[in-house]
């Protein structure tokens, strides 16, 4: 899965694809909320665009394509990697 980062709504490719993402996992509860957890290197091509309130667009399962996930937390870099 290659998630896409955008400011608010998805128009075109937004800021770009997060192709450098080390891991990107979407989890959800039955009849509940979806949550995305991603690890990304600080040397990634669009690391400087990652910020709170941006939206990451990713496929959440085989049936739901391009679900939007608002960023609410970015950890401090640990060994050059952040968790979003």
C-alpha atoms as a PDB file:
ATOM      1  CA  UNK A   1       0.000   0.000   0.000  1.00  0.00           C
ATOM      2  CA  UNK A   2       1.350   3.424  -0.964  1.00  0.00           C
ATOM      3  CA  UNK A   3      -0.548   6.069   1.033  1.00  0.00           C
ATOM      4  CA  UNK A   4      -0.937   9.649  -0.241  1.00  0.00           C
ATOM      5  CA  UNK A   5      -0.386  12.805   1.846  1.00  0.00           C
ATOM      6  CA  UNK A   6      -2.514  15.900   1.233  1.00  0.00           C
ATOM      7  CA  UNK A   7      -3.391  19.127   3.048  1.00  0.00           C
ATOM      8  CA  UNK A   8      -7.144  18.538   3.431  1.00  0.00           C
ATOM      9  CA  UNK A   9      -8.952  17.039   0.455  1.00  0.00           C
ATOM     10  CA  UNK A  10      -7.504  14.739  -2.145  1.00  0.00           C
ATOM     11  CA  UNK A  11      -7.022  16.536  -5.440  1.00  0.00           C
ATOM     12  CA  UNK A  12      -4.643  14.843  -7.835  1.00  0.00           C
ATOM     13  CA  UNK A  13      -1.811  13.337  -5.790  1.00  0.00           C
ATOM     14  CA  UNK A  14      -1.828  15.936  -3.000  1.00  0.00           C
ATOM     15  CA  UNK A  15       1.717  16.501  -1.705  1.00  0.00           C
ATOM     16  CA  UNK A  16       2.670  13.093  -3.055  1.00  0.00           C
ATOM     17  CA  UNK A  17       2.821   9.411  -2.287  1.00  0.00           C
ATOM     18  CA  UNK A  18       4.476   8.295   0.926  1.00  0.00           C
ATOM     19  CA  UNK A  19       6.500   5.689  -0.934  1.00  0.00           C
ATOM     20  CA  UNK A  20       9.288   5.812   1.675  1.00  0.00           C
ATOM     21  CA  UNK A  21       6.947   4.600   4.440  1.00  0.00           C
ATOM     22  CA  UNK A  22       8.525   1.716   6.321  1.00  0.00           C
ATOM     23  CA  UNK A  23       5.218   0.376   7.597  1.00  0.00           C
ATOM     24  CA  UNK A  24       1.612   1.463   7.153  1.00  0.00           C
ATOM     25  CA  UNK A  25      -1.143  -0.499   8.901  1.00  0.00           C
ATOM     26  CA  UNK A  26      -4.859   0.270   9.051  1.00  0.00           C
ATOM     27  CA  UNK A  27      -6.925  -1.285  11.825  1.00  0.00           C
ATOM     28  CA  UNK A  28     -10.613  -0.975  12.613  1.00  0.00           C
ATOM     29  CA  UNK A  29     -13.192  -2.252  15.032  1.00  0.00           C
ATOM     30  CA  UNK A  30     -16.383  -3.853  13.779  1.00  0.00           C
ATOM     31  CA  UNK A  31     -18.905  -1.026  13.336  1.00  0.00           C
ATOM     32  CA  UNK A  32     -16.286   1.288  14.818  1.00  0.00           C
ATOM     33  CA  UNK A  33     -13.491   3.626  13.898  1.00  0.00           C
ATOM     34  CA  UNK A  34     -10.561   3.155  11.553  1.00  0.00           C
ATOM     35  CA  UNK A  35      -7.022   4.017  12.622  1.00  0.00           C
ATOM     36  CA  UNK A  36      -3.810   4.235  10.612  1.00  0.00           C
ATOM     37  CA  UNK A  37      -0.339   3.762  12.089  1.00  0.00           C
ATOM     38  CA  UNK A  38       2.652   4.528   9.921  1.00  0.00           C
ATOM     39  CA  UNK A  39       6.414   4.632  10.463  1.00  0.00           C
ATOM     40  CA  UNK A  40       8.304   7.041   8.232  1.00  0.00           C
ATOM     41  CA  UNK A  41      12.004   7.969   8.029  1.00  0.00           C
ATOM     42  CA  UNK A  42      13.077  11.579   8.573  1.00  0.00           C
ATOM     43  CA  UNK A  43      15.080  11.231   5.358  1.00  0.00           C
ATOM     44  CA  UNK A  44      11.875  10.510   3.377  1.00  0.00           C
ATOM     45  CA  UNK A  45      11.155  12.622   0.314  1.00  0.00           C
ATOM     46  CA  UNK A  46       8.164  14.505   1.783  1.00  0.00           C
ATOM     47  CA  UNK A  47       8.950  14.280   5.507  1.00  0.00           C
ATOM     48  CA  UNK A  48       8.900  18.084   5.759  1.00  0.00           C
ATOM     49  CA  UNK A  49       5.217  18.104   4.669  1.00  0.00           C
ATOM     50  CA  UNK A  50       4.079  15.787   7.504  1.00  0.00           C
ATOM     51  CA  UNK A  51       2.228  17.841  10.099  1.00  0.00           C
ATOM     52  CA  UNK A  52      -0.811  17.655  12.348  1.00  0.00           C
ATOM     53  CA  UNK A  53      -4.148  18.189  10.593  1.00  0.00           C
ATOM     54  CA  UNK A  54      -2.838  16.906   7.232  1.00  0.00           C
ATOM     55  CA  UNK A  55      -4.673  13.931   5.754  1.00  0.00           C
ATOM     56  CA  UNK A  56      -3.232  10.577   4.744  1.00  0.00           C
ATOM     57  CA  UNK A  57      -5.287   8.716   2.130  1.00  0.00           C
ATOM     58  CA  UNK A  58      -4.928   4.939   2.174  1.00  0.00           C
ATOM     59  CA  UNK A  59      -6.858   1.772   1.381  1.00  0.00           C
ATOM     60  CA  UNK A  60      -8.318   0.489   4.623  1.00  0.00           C
ATOM     61  CA  UNK A  61      -9.442  -2.925   3.352  1.00  0.00           C
ATOM     62  CA  UNK A  62     -10.414  -4.696   0.153  1.00  0.00           C
ATOM     63  CA  UNK A  63     -13.764  -2.897   0.000  1.00  0.00           C
ATOM     64  CA  UNK A  64     -12.936   0.621   1.227  1.00  0.00           C
ATOM     65  CA  UNK A  65     -10.556   2.415  -1.111  1.00  0.00           C
ATOM     66  CA  UNK A  66      -8.871   5.754  -0.370  1.00  0.00           C
ATOM     67  CA  UNK A  67     -10.102   6.338   3.169  1.00  0.00           C
ATOM     68  CA  UNK A  68      -8.910   9.642   4.689  1.00  0.00           C
ATOM     69  CA  UNK A  69      -7.033   9.655   8.024  1.00  0.00           C
ATOM     70  CA  UNK A  70      -6.306  12.978   9.754  1.00  0.00           C
ATOM     71  CA  UNK A  71      -2.897  13.177  11.438  1.00  0.00           C
ATOM     72  CA  UNK A  72      -3.236  13.944  15.136  1.00  0.00           C
ATOM     73  CA  UNK A  73       0.156  12.865  16.480  1.00  0.00           C
ATOM     74  CA  UNK A  74       3.705  12.591  15.185  1.00  0.00           C
ATOM     75  CA  UNK A  75       6.301  11.196  17.571  1.00  0.00           C
ATOM     76  CA  UNK A  76       9.796  12.550  18.018  1.00  0.00           C
ATOM     77  CA  UNK A  77      12.389  10.884  15.798  1.00  0.00           C
ATOM     78  CA  UNK A  78      13.901   7.735  17.267  1.00  0.00           C
ATOM     79  CA  UNK A  79      16.837   6.381  15.251  1.00  0.00           C
ATOM     80  CA  UNK A  80      15.713   8.576  12.356  1.00  0.00           C
ATOM     81  CA  UNK A  81      12.139   7.229  12.266  1.00  0.00           C
ATOM     82  CA  UNK A  82       8.848   8.868  13.338  1.00  0.00           C
ATOM     83  CA  UNK A  83       5.504   7.185  14.032  1.00  0.00           C
ATOM     84  CA  UNK A  84       2.364   8.875  12.739  1.00  0.00           C
END
